[in-house]
Amino acid sequence: MAEESNVHTKMAMAEVLGLYMIALIGILVGCYGLGVFDGLGVIIGISTYLGLGLLLCTYVAYRNENLLLTGIFGVLAVFLLGFPAMVNGAMGTLGDFDSAMIYMVFIGVLLLVMGVVSLAQPVKMLPILLIVAAIAFILLGLWFQNDLPNATEDYRMVTGVLWLLVGLIATYMGAAISLLVMKGKPVLPLLIKA
């Protein structure tokens, strides 16, 4: 008779690391949208490493049988790993802004679906993060459609604020989960419904 063996990594390891990586990319894209820096070099340079980190978090979530986080981290890992090629392709030829827009809007729609699905789990802060991230992705895709450099400053500011909000929510959730695991009780509210 075969023996079943489930190998689990300690609780919240993938969650906290993944949330902090999402926070980092959210804050960088938010700063770009708010005009703190003008080039995409910083984001392109770090996106591959963050994509690999999220791929690791995806694997740990998969091993821990966390289906929702496997999907969320996996989709974001694929996006970040493909981001440099997508931006270089879009900047290389004029017509490729359409494909970059479709790429980002599709990721936004996937996150929106996952946000709706995550309403069934007890941590109500996660759907808030996913829905805000979905809107931020869709707006970023539409910004790419407007040929990035020529987009209006108001649209750029709104997109930057939403991405900054994604970064702040992800940072808060990472800290709240860390404190929950360390203290054994909720210290920062995660809007957990019993």
N, C-alpha and C. Protein backbone atom coordinates (compact mmCIF):
# COMPACT_ATOMS: atom_id res chain seq x y z
N MET A 1 0.84 -1.18 0.00
CA MET A 1 0.00 0.00 0.00
C MET A 1 0.88 1.24 0.00
N ALA A 2 0.57 2.17 -0.86
CA ALA A 2 1.36 3.40 -0.98
C ALA A 2 1.09 4.31 0.21
N GLU A 3 2.14 4.92 0.68
CA GLU A 3 2.01 5.86 1.79
C GLU A 3 1.97 7.28 1.24
N GLU A 4 1.00 8.06 1.69
CA GLU A 4 0.89 9.44 1.23
C GLU A 4 1.76 10.33 2.10
N SER A 5 2.49 11.22 1.45
CA SER A 5 3.37 12.12 2.18
C SER A 5 3.13 13.54 1.70
N ASN A 6 2.73 14.41 2.61
CA ASN A 6 2.56 15.82 2.30
C ASN A 6 3.69 16.60 2.95
N VAL A 7 4.45 17.30 2.14
CA VAL A 7 5.55 18.12 2.65
C VAL A 7 5.06 19.56 2.64
N HIS A 8 5.12 20.20 3.79
CA HIS A 8 4.66 21.59 3.90
C HIS A 8 5.80 22.47 4.40
N THR A 9 5.87 23.63 3.84
CA THR A 9 6.81 24.65 4.32
C THR A 9 6.06 25.43 5.39
N LYS A 10 6.80 26.01 6.32
CA LYS A 10 6.14 26.72 7.42
C LYS A 10 5.14 27.74 6.90
N MET A 11 4.07 27.90 7.66
CA MET A 11 2.98 28.81 7.28
C MET A 11 3.49 30.22 7.06
N ALA A 12 2.97 30.86 6.04
CA ALA A 12 3.17 32.28 5.73
C ALA A 12 4.52 32.62 5.12
N MET A 13 5.37 31.64 4.88
CA MET A 13 6.66 31.96 4.27
C MET A 13 6.47 32.51 2.86
N ALA A 14 5.73 31.82 2.02
CA ALA A 14 5.53 32.26 0.65
C ALA A 14 4.64 33.50 0.61
N GLU A 15 3.66 33.56 1.49
CA GLU A 15 2.71 34.66 1.49
C GLU A 15 3.41 36.00 1.75
N VAL A 16 4.22 36.04 2.79
CA VAL A 16 4.87 37.29 3.18
C VAL A 16 5.91 37.71 2.14
N LEU A 17 6.73 36.78 1.70
CA LEU A 17 7.74 37.10 0.69
C LEU A 17 7.07 37.58 -0.60
N GLY A 18 6.04 36.87 -1.04
CA GLY A 18 5.33 37.27 -2.25
C GLY A 18 4.68 38.63 -2.13
N LEU A 19 4.07 38.89 -0.98
CA LEU A 19 3.44 40.20 -0.78
C LEU A 19 4.47 41.33 -0.79
N TYR A 20 5.63 41.10 -0.21
CA TYR A 20 6.66 42.15 -0.21
C TYR A 20 7.21 42.38 -1.62
N MET A 21 7.30 41.33 -2.43
CA MET A 21 7.75 41.52 -3.81
C MET A 21 6.69 42.25 -4.63
N ILE A 22 5.42 41.95 -4.39
CA ILE A 22 4.33 42.68 -5.05
C ILE A 22 4.37 44.14 -4.60
N ALA A 23 4.64 44.38 -3.33
CA ALA A 23 4.73 45.74 -2.82
C ALA A 23 5.85 46.51 -3.51
N LEU A 24 6.98 45.85 -3.71
CA LEU A 24 8.12 46.52 -4.34
C LEU A 24 7.79 46.93 -5.77
N ILE A 25 7.22 46.04 -6.55
CA ILE A 25 6.90 46.39 -7.93
C ILE A 25 5.77 47.42 -7.97
N GLY A 26 4.81 47.32 -7.04
CA GLY A 26 3.73 48.29 -6.99
C GLY A 26 4.24 49.70 -6.69
N ILE A 27 5.16 49.81 -5.75
CA ILE A 27 5.71 51.12 -5.39
C ILE A 27 6.57 51.67 -6.53
N LEU A 28 7.34 50.81 -7.20
CA LEU A 28 8.16 51.28 -8.32
C LEU A 28 7.29 51.79 -9.47
N VAL A 29 6.26 51.02 -9.84
CA VAL A 29 5.38 51.45 -10.93
C VAL A 29 4.60 52.69 -10.50
N GLY A 30 4.20 52.75 -9.23
CA GLY A 30 3.52 53.93 -8.72
C GLY A 30 4.39 55.18 -8.81
N CYS A 31 5.65 55.04 -8.43
CA CYS A 31 6.58 56.18 -8.52
C CYS A 31 6.79 56.59 -9.97
N TYR A 32 6.84 55.62 -10.88
CA TYR A 32 6.98 55.94 -12.30
C TYR A 32 5.74 56.70 -12.78
N GLY A 33 4.57 56.25 -12.35
CA GLY A 33 3.33 56.92 -12.74
C GLY A 33 3.23 58.33 -12.18
N LEU A 34 3.78 58.53 -11.00
CA LEU A 34 3.73 59.85 -10.37
C LEU A 34 4.88 60.75 -10.83
N GLY A 35 5.72 60.25 -11.72
CA GLY A 35 6.78 61.07 -12.30
C GLY A 35 8.01 61.21 -11.44
N VAL A 36 8.20 60.33 -10.45
CA VAL A 36 9.40 60.39 -9.63
C VAL A 36 10.63 60.10 -10.49
N PHE A 37 10.51 59.17 -11.43
CA PHE A 37 11.55 58.93 -12.44
C PHE A 37 10.86 58.67 -13.77
N ASP A 38 11.57 58.92 -14.86
CA ASP A 38 10.93 58.86 -16.17
C ASP A 38 11.22 57.60 -16.97
N GLY A 39 12.33 56.95 -16.73
CA GLY A 39 12.67 55.76 -17.51
C GLY A 39 12.15 54.49 -16.89
N LEU A 40 11.93 53.49 -17.74
CA LEU A 40 11.47 52.19 -17.26
C LEU A 40 12.65 51.27 -16.88
N GLY A 41 13.88 51.78 -16.95
CA GLY A 41 15.05 50.96 -16.70
C GLY A 41 15.06 50.27 -15.35
N VAL A 42 14.68 50.99 -14.30
CA VAL A 42 14.67 50.40 -12.96
C VAL A 42 13.67 49.25 -12.88
N ILE A 43 12.48 49.46 -13.43
CA ILE A 43 11.44 48.43 -13.38
C ILE A 43 11.83 47.24 -14.23
N ILE A 44 12.36 47.50 -15.43
CA ILE A 44 12.79 46.40 -16.30
C ILE A 44 13.93 45.62 -15.64
N GLY A 45 14.86 46.33 -15.01
CA GLY A 45 16.01 45.68 -14.39
C GLY A 45 15.65 44.76 -13.24
N ILE A 46 14.62 45.12 -12.49
CA ILE A 46 14.27 44.33 -11.30
C ILE A 46 13.15 43.31 -11.57
N SER A 47 12.40 43.50 -12.64
CA SER A 47 11.22 42.65 -12.85
C SER A 47 11.56 41.18 -13.03
N THR A 48 12.66 40.87 -13.69
CA THR A 48 13.04 39.47 -13.87
C THR A 48 13.34 38.80 -12.53
N TYR A 49 14.06 39.51 -11.67
CA TYR A 49 14.39 38.95 -10.35
C TYR A 49 13.14 38.79 -9.49
N LEU A 50 12.25 39.76 -9.54
CA LEU A 50 11.00 39.63 -8.80
C LEU A 50 10.14 38.51 -9.37
N GLY A 51 10.16 38.35 -10.69
CA GLY A 51 9.43 37.25 -11.32
C GLY A 51 9.96 35.90 -10.86
N LEU A 52 11.28 35.76 -10.78
CA LEU A 52 11.87 34.51 -10.29
C LEU A 52 11.51 34.28 -8.82
N GLY A 53 11.53 35.36 -8.02
CA GLY A 53 11.15 35.23 -6.62
C GLY A 53 9.69 34.81 -6.47
N LEU A 54 8.82 35.40 -7.28
CA LEU A 54 7.40 35.01 -7.22
C LEU A 54 7.19 33.59 -7.75
N LEU A 55 8.04 33.16 -8.67
CA LEU A 55 7.97 31.77 -9.14
C LEU A 55 8.31 30.81 -7.99
N LEU A 56 9.30 31.18 -7.18
CA LEU A 56 9.64 30.40 -5.99
C LEU A 56 8.47 30.38 -5.01
N CYS A 57 7.84 31.55 -4.80
CA CYS A 57 6.67 31.62 -3.91
C CYS A 57 5.52 30.78 -4.46
N THR A 58 5.37 30.75 -5.78
CA THR A 58 4.34 29.93 -6.41
C THR A 58 4.58 28.46 -6.10
N TYR A 59 5.84 28.03 -6.20
CA TYR A 59 6.18 26.64 -5.92
C TYR A 59 5.89 26.28 -4.46
N VAL A 60 6.28 27.18 -3.53
CA VAL A 60 6.02 26.91 -2.11
C VAL A 60 4.52 26.87 -1.84
N ALA A 61 3.76 27.80 -2.43
CA ALA A 61 2.30 27.79 -2.25
C ALA A 61 1.69 26.52 -2.83
N TYR A 62 2.22 26.06 -3.95
CA TYR A 62 1.76 24.81 -4.55
C TYR A 62 2.05 23.62 -3.63
N ARG A 63 3.25 23.58 -3.08
CA ARG A 63 3.61 22.49 -2.16
C ARG A 63 2.76 22.52 -0.89
N ASN A 64 2.33 23.73 -0.49
CA ASN A 64 1.48 23.87 0.69
C ASN A 64 0.00 23.70 0.37
N GLU A 65 -0.29 23.34 -0.89
CA GLU A 65 -1.66 23.11 -1.35
C GLU A 65 -2.53 24.36 -1.21
N ASN A 66 -1.94 25.53 -1.42
CA ASN A 66 -2.67 26.78 -1.39
C ASN A 66 -2.98 27.18 -2.83
N LEU A 67 -4.13 26.74 -3.29
CA LEU A 67 -4.52 26.90 -4.69
C LEU A 67 -4.63 28.36 -5.10
N LEU A 68 -5.24 29.19 -4.24
CA LEU A 68 -5.46 30.59 -4.58
C LEU A 68 -4.13 31.34 -4.76
N LEU A 69 -3.21 31.17 -3.80
CA LEU A 69 -1.92 31.86 -3.92
C LEU A 69 -1.07 31.30 -5.04
N THR A 70 -1.20 30.02 -5.33
CA THR A 70 -0.49 29.45 -6.48
C THR A 70 -0.90 30.18 -7.75
N GLY A 71 -2.20 30.40 -7.91
CA GLY A 71 -2.69 31.12 -9.09
C GLY A 71 -2.25 32.57 -9.12
N ILE A 72 -2.38 33.26 -8.00
CA ILE A 72 -2.05 34.69 -7.94
C ILE A 72 -0.55 34.90 -8.19
N PHE A 73 0.28 34.21 -7.42
CA PHE A 73 1.73 34.40 -7.56
C PHE A 73 2.22 33.91 -8.92
N GLY A 74 1.62 32.82 -9.42
CA GLY A 74 2.03 32.29 -10.72
C GLY A 74 1.75 33.26 -11.85
N VAL A 75 0.56 33.86 -11.86
CA VAL A 75 0.20 34.83 -12.89
C VAL A 75 1.13 36.04 -12.82
N LEU A 76 1.38 36.54 -11.62
CA LEU A 76 2.25 37.71 -11.48
C LEU A 76 3.70 37.37 -11.84
N ALA A 77 4.14 36.14 -11.54
CA ALA A 77 5.50 35.73 -11.91
C ALA A 77 5.65 35.71 -13.43
N VAL A 78 4.67 35.15 -14.12
CA VAL A 78 4.74 35.12 -15.59
C VAL A 78 4.73 36.53 -16.15
N PHE A 79 3.89 37.40 -15.58
CA PHE A 79 3.85 38.80 -16.04
C PHE A 79 5.21 39.46 -15.86
N LEU A 80 5.80 39.34 -14.68
CA LEU A 80 7.07 40.02 -14.41
C LEU A 80 8.21 39.44 -15.24
N LEU A 81 8.20 38.13 -15.46
CA LEU A 81 9.24 37.53 -16.29
C LEU A 81 9.12 37.98 -17.75
N GLY A 82 7.90 38.21 -18.21
CA GLY A 82 7.69 38.66 -19.58
C GLY A 82 7.71 40.16 -19.78
N PHE A 83 7.75 40.91 -18.68
CA PHE A 83 7.66 42.37 -18.78
C PHE A 83 8.79 43.00 -19.59
N PRO A 84 10.07 42.63 -19.37
CA PRO A 84 11.13 43.27 -20.17
C PRO A 84 10.95 43.05 -21.67
N ALA A 85 10.61 41.83 -22.06
CA ALA A 85 10.40 41.55 -23.48
C ALA A 85 9.21 42.32 -24.02
N MET A 86 8.15 42.43 -23.22
CA MET A 86 6.96 43.15 -23.66
C MET A 86 7.27 44.63 -23.85
N VAL A 87 7.98 45.24 -22.92
CA VAL A 87 8.30 46.67 -23.04
C VAL A 87 9.26 46.90 -24.19
N ASN A 88 10.29 46.06 -24.31
CA ASN A 88 11.25 46.23 -25.41
C ASN A 88 10.58 46.05 -26.76
N GLY A 89 9.65 45.12 -26.85
CA GLY A 89 8.91 44.92 -28.10
C GLY A 89 8.01 46.09 -28.40
N ALA A 90 7.34 46.62 -27.37
CA ALA A 90 6.42 47.74 -27.58
C ALA A 90 7.19 49.00 -27.95
N MET A 91 8.35 49.21 -27.35
CA MET A 91 9.12 50.41 -27.65
C MET A 91 9.83 50.29 -29.00
N GLY A 92 10.09 49.02 -29.42
CA GLY A 92 10.83 48.82 -30.66
C GLY A 92 10.05 49.18 -31.90
N THR A 93 8.77 48.83 -31.95
CA THR A 93 7.96 49.14 -33.12
C THR A 93 6.67 49.81 -32.68
N LEU A 94 6.17 50.67 -33.54
CA LEU A 94 5.00 51.47 -33.18
C LEU A 94 3.75 50.64 -32.94
N GLY A 95 3.52 49.59 -33.71
CA GLY A 95 2.26 48.85 -33.61
C GLY A 95 2.17 47.91 -32.42
N ASP A 96 3.26 47.70 -31.68
CA ASP A 96 3.25 46.71 -30.61
C ASP A 96 2.65 47.21 -29.31
N PHE A 97 2.27 48.49 -29.24
CA PHE A 97 1.61 48.98 -28.04
C PHE A 97 0.29 48.25 -27.83
N ASP A 98 -0.36 47.82 -28.92
CA ASP A 98 -1.61 47.07 -28.79
C ASP A 98 -1.39 45.75 -28.08
N SER A 99 -0.32 45.03 -28.44
CA SER A 99 -0.06 43.74 -27.78
C SER A 99 0.33 43.94 -26.33
N ALA A 100 1.07 45.01 -26.01
CA ALA A 100 1.42 45.30 -24.62
C ALA A 100 0.16 45.62 -23.82
N MET A 101 -0.75 46.36 -24.41
CA MET A 101 -2.01 46.70 -23.74
C MET A 101 -2.83 45.44 -23.46
N ILE A 102 -2.93 44.57 -24.46
CA ILE A 102 -3.70 43.33 -24.29
C ILE A 102 -3.08 42.47 -23.19
N TYR A 103 -1.76 42.39 -23.16
CA TYR A 103 -1.03 41.62 -22.15
C TYR A 103 -1.38 42.10 -20.75
N MET A 104 -1.34 43.41 -20.53
CA MET A 104 -1.60 43.95 -19.19
C MET A 104 -3.07 43.91 -18.82
N VAL A 105 -3.95 44.19 -19.77
CA VAL A 105 -5.38 44.14 -19.48
C VAL A 105 -5.80 42.71 -19.16
N PHE A 106 -5.24 41.74 -19.87
CA PHE A 106 -5.56 40.33 -19.60
C PHE A 106 -5.13 39.93 -18.19
N ILE A 107 -3.94 40.37 -17.77
CA ILE A 107 -3.49 40.09 -16.39
C ILE A 107 -4.45 40.74 -15.41
N GLY A 108 -4.90 41.97 -15.70
CA GLY A 108 -5.87 42.66 -14.84
C GLY A 108 -7.17 41.89 -14.73
N VAL A 109 -7.65 41.36 -15.84
CA VAL A 109 -8.90 40.58 -15.82
C VAL A 109 -8.71 39.30 -15.01
N LEU A 110 -7.56 38.64 -15.17
CA LEU A 110 -7.29 37.43 -14.37
C LEU A 110 -7.28 37.76 -12.87
N LEU A 111 -6.64 38.87 -12.50
CA LEU A 111 -6.61 39.26 -11.08
C LEU A 111 -8.00 39.62 -10.58
N LEU A 112 -8.81 40.21 -11.43
CA LEU A 112 -10.19 40.54 -11.05
C LEU A 112 -10.98 39.26 -10.78
N VAL A 113 -10.82 38.26 -11.63
CA VAL A 113 -11.50 36.97 -11.42
C VAL A 113 -11.02 36.34 -10.11
N MET A 114 -9.70 36.37 -9.87
CA MET A 114 -9.17 35.82 -8.62
C MET A 114 -9.65 36.61 -7.41
N GLY A 115 -9.83 37.92 -7.57
CA GLY A 115 -10.37 38.74 -6.48
C GLY A 115 -11.78 38.35 -6.14
N VAL A 116 -12.60 38.08 -7.16
CA VAL A 116 -13.98 37.64 -6.91
C VAL A 116 -13.98 36.25 -6.26
N VAL A 117 -13.12 35.36 -6.75
CA VAL A 117 -13.03 34.01 -6.15
C VAL A 117 -12.56 34.11 -4.70
N SER A 118 -11.64 35.04 -4.42
CA SER A 118 -11.08 35.14 -3.06
C SER A 118 -12.09 35.68 -2.05
N LEU A 119 -13.23 36.15 -2.51
CA LEU A 119 -14.28 36.58 -1.57
C LEU A 119 -14.78 35.41 -0.72
N ALA A 120 -14.57 34.17 -1.20
CA ALA A 120 -15.02 32.98 -0.48
C ALA A 120 -14.10 32.59 0.67
N GLN A 121 -12.89 33.15 0.73
CA GLN A 121 -11.96 32.79 1.81
C GLN A 121 -12.08 33.81 2.95
N PRO A 122 -11.57 33.48 4.14
CA PRO A 122 -11.85 34.31 5.32
C PRO A 122 -11.11 35.65 5.40
N VAL A 123 -9.95 35.81 4.76
CA VAL A 123 -9.19 37.05 4.86
C VAL A 123 -9.73 38.03 3.83
N LYS A 124 -10.50 39.00 4.29
CA LYS A 124 -11.18 39.92 3.38
C LYS A 124 -10.28 41.03 2.85
N MET A 125 -9.06 41.13 3.35
CA MET A 125 -8.11 42.11 2.83
C MET A 125 -7.57 41.67 1.46
N LEU A 126 -7.51 40.35 1.22
CA LEU A 126 -6.99 39.84 -0.04
C LEU A 126 -7.83 40.25 -1.25
N PRO A 127 -9.18 40.14 -1.19
CA PRO A 127 -9.96 40.61 -2.34
C PRO A 127 -9.77 42.11 -2.61
N ILE A 128 -9.59 42.88 -1.55
CA ILE A 128 -9.36 44.32 -1.74
C ILE A 128 -8.07 44.53 -2.53
N LEU A 129 -6.99 43.84 -2.12
CA LEU A 129 -5.71 43.95 -2.82
C LEU A 129 -5.85 43.52 -4.27
N LEU A 130 -6.51 42.39 -4.51
CA LEU A 130 -6.61 41.86 -5.88
C LEU A 130 -7.45 42.76 -6.78
N ILE A 131 -8.51 43.32 -6.25
CA ILE A 131 -9.37 44.18 -7.08
C ILE A 131 -8.66 45.50 -7.40
N VAL A 132 -7.97 46.08 -6.41
CA VAL A 132 -7.20 47.31 -6.67
C VAL A 132 -6.09 47.01 -7.68
N ALA A 133 -5.40 45.87 -7.52
CA ALA A 133 -4.33 45.49 -8.47
C ALA A 133 -4.90 45.26 -9.87
N ALA A 134 -6.07 44.66 -9.95
CA ALA A 134 -6.69 44.43 -11.27
C ALA A 134 -6.98 45.75 -11.97
N ILE A 135 -7.55 46.70 -11.23
CA ILE A 135 -7.84 48.02 -11.82
C ILE A 135 -6.53 48.71 -12.22
N ALA A 136 -5.50 48.58 -11.39
CA ALA A 136 -4.21 49.20 -11.70
C ALA A 136 -3.61 48.61 -12.97
N PHE A 137 -3.70 47.28 -13.13
CA PHE A 137 -3.19 46.64 -14.35
C PHE A 137 -3.96 47.10 -15.58
N ILE A 138 -5.28 47.17 -15.47
CA ILE A 138 -6.10 47.59 -16.62
C ILE A 138 -5.77 49.03 -17.00
N LEU A 139 -5.65 49.91 -16.01
CA LEU A 139 -5.29 51.30 -16.30
C LEU A 139 -3.88 51.41 -16.91
N LEU A 140 -2.95 50.59 -16.42
CA LEU A 140 -1.60 50.60 -16.98
C LEU A 140 -1.62 50.14 -18.43
N GLY A 141 -2.41 49.12 -18.72
CA GLY A 141 -2.54 48.65 -20.09
C GLY A 141 -3.13 49.72 -21.00
N LEU A 142 -4.14 50.43 -20.51
CA LEU A 142 -4.73 51.50 -21.31
C LEU A 142 -3.74 52.67 -21.47
N TRP A 143 -2.90 52.88 -20.46
CA TRP A 143 -1.86 53.91 -20.57
C TRP A 143 -0.87 53.53 -21.67
N PHE A 144 -0.50 52.24 -21.74
CA PHE A 144 0.38 51.78 -22.82
C PHE A 144 -0.31 51.99 -24.18
N GLN A 145 -1.62 51.77 -24.22
CA GLN A 145 -2.37 51.97 -25.46
C GLN A 145 -2.29 53.43 -25.91
N ASN A 146 -2.20 54.34 -24.96
CA ASN A 146 -2.10 55.78 -25.29
C ASN A 146 -0.66 56.17 -25.61
N ASP A 147 0.17 55.19 -25.99
CA ASP A 147 1.56 55.42 -26.38
C ASP A 147 2.38 56.08 -25.28
N LEU A 148 2.26 55.56 -24.10
CA LEU A 148 3.00 55.93 -22.89
C LEU A 148 3.54 57.36 -22.81
N PRO A 149 4.48 57.79 -23.64
CA PRO A 149 5.02 59.14 -23.45
C PRO A 149 3.99 60.24 -23.67
N ASN A 150 2.99 60.01 -24.52
CA ASN A 150 2.02 61.05 -24.86
C ASN A 150 0.77 61.01 -23.99
N ALA A 151 0.70 60.11 -23.03
CA ALA A 151 -0.49 60.01 -22.18
C ALA A 151 -0.63 61.28 -21.34
N THR A 152 -1.86 61.62 -21.02
CA THR A 152 -2.09 62.83 -20.24
C THR A 152 -1.53 62.68 -18.83
N GLU A 153 -1.15 63.78 -18.25
CA GLU A 153 -0.55 63.75 -16.91
C GLU A 153 -1.55 63.30 -15.85
N ASP A 154 -2.82 63.65 -16.01
CA ASP A 154 -3.84 63.22 -15.03
C ASP A 154 -3.99 61.71 -15.04
N TYR A 155 -4.03 61.13 -16.22
CA TYR A 155 -4.17 59.67 -16.35
C TYR A 155 -2.95 58.98 -15.75
N ARG A 156 -1.77 59.55 -16.02
CA ARG A 156 -0.54 58.99 -15.47
C ARG A 156 -0.57 59.06 -13.94
N MET A 157 -1.06 60.18 -13.39
CA MET A 157 -1.11 60.34 -11.94
C MET A 157 -2.07 59.33 -11.31
N VAL A 158 -3.26 59.15 -11.89
CA VAL A 158 -4.24 58.20 -11.35
C VAL A 158 -3.67 56.79 -11.37
N THR A 159 -3.03 56.42 -12.48
CA THR A 159 -2.41 55.10 -12.58
C THR A 159 -1.33 54.94 -11.52
N GLY A 160 -0.50 55.96 -11.34
CA GLY A 160 0.56 55.91 -10.33
C GLY A 160 0.01 55.77 -8.92
N VAL A 161 -1.06 56.51 -8.62
CA VAL A 161 -1.67 56.44 -7.28
C VAL A 161 -2.22 55.04 -7.01
N LEU A 162 -2.88 54.45 -8.01
CA LEU A 162 -3.42 53.10 -7.82
C LEU A 162 -2.31 52.08 -7.60
N TRP A 163 -1.22 52.19 -8.36
CA TRP A 163 -0.10 51.26 -8.17
C TRP A 163 0.56 51.48 -6.81
N LEU A 164 0.66 52.72 -6.39
CA LEU A 164 1.21 53.00 -5.06
C LEU A 164 0.31 52.40 -3.99
N LEU A 165 -1.00 52.47 -4.18
CA LEU A 165 -1.96 51.87 -3.25
C LEU A 165 -1.78 50.35 -3.20
N VAL A 166 -1.55 49.72 -4.36
CA VAL A 166 -1.27 48.28 -4.39
C VAL A 166 -0.04 47.98 -3.53
N GLY A 167 1.01 48.78 -3.71
CA GLY A 167 2.23 48.57 -2.92
C GLY A 167 2.01 48.74 -1.43
N LEU A 168 1.23 49.73 -1.05
CA LEU A 168 0.97 49.97 0.38
C LEU A 168 0.10 48.87 0.99
N ILE A 169 -0.93 48.43 0.27
CA ILE A 169 -1.79 47.35 0.78
C ILE A 169 -0.98 46.06 0.92
N ALA A 170 -0.14 45.75 -0.08
CA ALA A 170 0.67 44.53 -0.02
C ALA A 170 1.67 44.60 1.14
N THR A 171 2.27 45.77 1.36
CA THR A 171 3.20 45.93 2.49
C THR A 171 2.47 45.73 3.82
N TYR A 172 1.30 46.33 3.94
CA TYR A 172 0.50 46.19 5.16
C TYR A 172 0.14 44.72 5.40
N MET A 173 -0.33 44.04 4.34
CA MET A 173 -0.72 42.64 4.51
C MET A 173 0.48 41.77 4.90
N GLY A 174 1.64 42.01 4.29
CA GLY A 174 2.84 41.25 4.65
C GLY A 174 3.20 41.44 6.12
N ALA A 175 3.14 42.69 6.58
CA ALA A 175 3.45 42.97 7.99
C ALA A 175 2.40 42.35 8.91
N ALA A 176 1.13 42.44 8.53
CA ALA A 176 0.05 41.89 9.37
C ALA A 176 0.16 40.36 9.47
N ILE A 177 0.47 39.70 8.36
CA ILE A 177 0.61 38.23 8.40
C ILE A 177 1.84 37.84 9.21
N SER A 178 2.93 38.59 9.07
CA SER A 178 4.13 38.30 9.87
C SER A 178 3.83 38.40 11.36
N LEU A 179 3.16 39.46 11.77
CA LEU A 179 2.81 39.62 13.19
C LEU A 179 1.84 38.55 13.66
N LEU A 180 0.90 38.18 12.80
CA LEU A 180 -0.06 37.13 13.15
C LEU A 180 0.66 35.81 13.43
N VAL A 181 1.62 35.46 12.59
CA VAL A 181 2.35 34.21 12.77
C VAL A 181 3.28 34.28 13.98
N MET A 182 3.95 35.42 14.16
CA MET A 182 4.89 35.54 15.29
C MET A 182 4.17 35.59 16.63
N LYS A 183 3.08 36.34 16.71
CA LYS A 183 2.37 36.51 17.98
C LYS A 183 1.32 35.45 18.23
N GLY A 184 0.85 34.79 17.16
CA GLY A 184 -0.19 33.78 17.32
C GLY A 184 -1.58 34.37 17.44
N LYS A 185 -1.70 35.66 17.26
CA LYS A 185 -3.00 36.33 17.30
C LYS A 185 -2.92 37.56 16.39
N PRO A 186 -4.08 38.03 15.91
CA PRO A 186 -4.05 39.20 15.03
C PRO A 186 -3.61 40.45 15.77
N VAL A 187 -2.58 41.12 15.27
CA VAL A 187 -2.12 42.37 15.83
C VAL A 187 -2.62 43.52 14.95
N LEU A 188 -2.37 43.41 13.66
CA LEU A 188 -2.92 44.35 12.68
C LEU A 188 -4.11 43.69 12.01
N PRO A 189 -5.23 44.38 11.87
CA PRO A 189 -6.42 43.74 11.32
C PRO A 189 -6.24 43.34 9.86
N LEU A 190 -6.63 42.11 9.55
CA LEU A 190 -6.65 41.59 8.18
C LEU A 190 -8.08 41.39 7.69
N LEU A 191 -9.04 41.88 8.47
CA LEU A 191 -10.46 41.71 8.15
C LEU A 191 -10.83 40.23 7.99
N ILE A 192 -10.43 39.43 8.98
CA ILE A 192 -10.70 37.99 8.95
C ILE A 192 -12.09 37.73 9.46
N LYS A 193 -12.89 37.06 8.63
CA LYS A 193 -14.26 36.67 9.01
C LYS A 193 -14.26 35.21 9.41
N ALA A 194 -14.77 34.91 10.55
CA ALA A 194 -14.79 33.54 11.05
C ALA A 194 -15.87 32.72 10.37
